[in-house]
Protein backbone atom coordinates (compact mmCIF):
# COMPACT_ATOMS: atom_id res chain seq x y z
CA MET A 1 13.90 9.11 -4.49
CA LEU A 2 10.35 7.37 -3.72
CA THR A 3 7.60 9.61 -3.75
CA ALA A 4 3.88 8.87 -2.74
CA THR A 5 2.48 8.68 -6.17
CA ASP A 6 5.06 6.10 -6.93
CA LEU A 7 3.43 3.81 -3.50
CA LYS A 8 -0.25 4.71 -4.91
CA THR A 9 0.64 3.72 -8.58
CA ALA A 10 2.02 0.43 -7.63
CA ILE A 11 -0.49 -0.54 -4.98
CA GLU A 12 -3.71 0.47 -7.63
CA THR A 13 -1.44 -1.46 -10.10
CA HIS A 14 -0.84 -4.44 -8.49
CA LEU A 15 -3.96 -4.80 -5.99
CA THR A 16 -6.88 -4.81 -8.24
CA ASP A 17 -9.86 -2.64 -7.99
CA ALA A 18 -8.33 -1.26 -5.23
CA HIS A 19 -8.17 2.77 -4.22
CA ALA A 20 -5.19 4.31 -2.46
CA GLN A 21 -4.38 7.51 -0.88
CA VAL A 22 -0.75 7.55 0.01
CA LEU A 23 1.28 10.76 2.23
CA GLY A 24 4.87 11.33 2.77
CA ASP A 25 7.03 13.79 1.46
CA ASP A 26 10.42 12.74 2.73
CA GLY A 27 11.04 9.35 0.54
CA VAL A 28 11.13 6.84 2.83
CA HIS A 29 8.01 7.40 5.73
CA PHE A 30 4.40 7.45 4.27
CA GLU A 31 0.92 6.76 5.08
CA ALA A 32 -1.72 5.02 2.96
CA LEU A 33 -5.46 4.68 2.88
CA VAL A 34 -6.27 1.55 1.09
CA THR A 35 -9.82 0.62 -0.11
CA CYS A 36 -10.14 -2.71 -2.19
CA PRO A 37 -13.58 -4.99 -2.69
CA HIS A 38 -11.27 -7.47 -2.16
CA PHE A 39 -10.85 -7.10 1.26
CA ALA A 40 -14.69 -7.74 2.56
CA GLY A 41 -14.42 -10.64 4.90
CA LEU A 42 -10.85 -10.59 5.46
CA GLY A 43 -9.24 -9.52 8.84
CA MET A 44 -6.71 -6.41 9.02
CA LEU A 45 -3.44 -9.03 8.93
CA LYS A 46 -4.99 -10.22 5.81
CA GLN A 47 -5.51 -7.08 4.24
CA HIS A 48 -2.46 -5.69 4.81
CA GLN A 49 -0.31 -8.72 3.69
CA GLN A 50 -2.31 -7.99 0.28
CA VAL A 51 -0.87 -4.65 0.29
CA TYR A 52 2.32 -5.50 1.24
CA GLY A 53 2.56 -8.06 -1.58
CA ALA A 54 1.56 -5.42 -4.02
CA LEU A 55 4.31 -2.93 -3.12
CA ALA A 56 6.96 -6.58 -2.99
CA ALA A 57 5.36 -7.33 -7.20
CA ALA A 58 6.28 -3.50 -7.82
CA GLY A 59 9.98 -3.99 -6.36
CA LEU A 60 9.30 -1.99 -3.16
CA ARG A 61 10.25 -3.96 0.27
CA MET A 62 9.47 -2.87 3.37
CA GLY A 63 12.92 -1.92 5.45
CA GLN A 64 14.45 -1.44 2.17
CA GLU A 65 12.64 0.94 -0.53
CA ILE A 66 10.08 1.77 2.18
CA HIS A 67 11.35 2.71 5.62
CA ALA A 68 7.83 3.08 7.63
CA LEU A 69 4.13 2.84 6.30
CA ALA A 70 1.36 3.63 8.48
CA LEU A 71 -1.32 1.58 6.95
CA LYS A 72 -4.97 1.73 7.10
CA THR A 73 -7.13 -0.57 5.13
CA ASN A 74 -10.81 -1.08 4.76
CA ALA A 75 -13.08 -3.02 1.69
CA ALA A 76 -15.07 -0.91 -0.43
């Protein structure tokens, strides 16, 4: 079963300089706050795409391993 720690590790490993706070204890529904200096100047859609890209790089896909992700992002 996927854990919040798994998502946190995936995001921070594949998105350089990111800091993630992830909650979720049922293995498929998660909430994440991701702060990353690379988000500066990017719109919310682009920021979210970078997070989804980091998850995909770790082999975690929305609608597959992750059913739902409430995502908030901001620049550091």
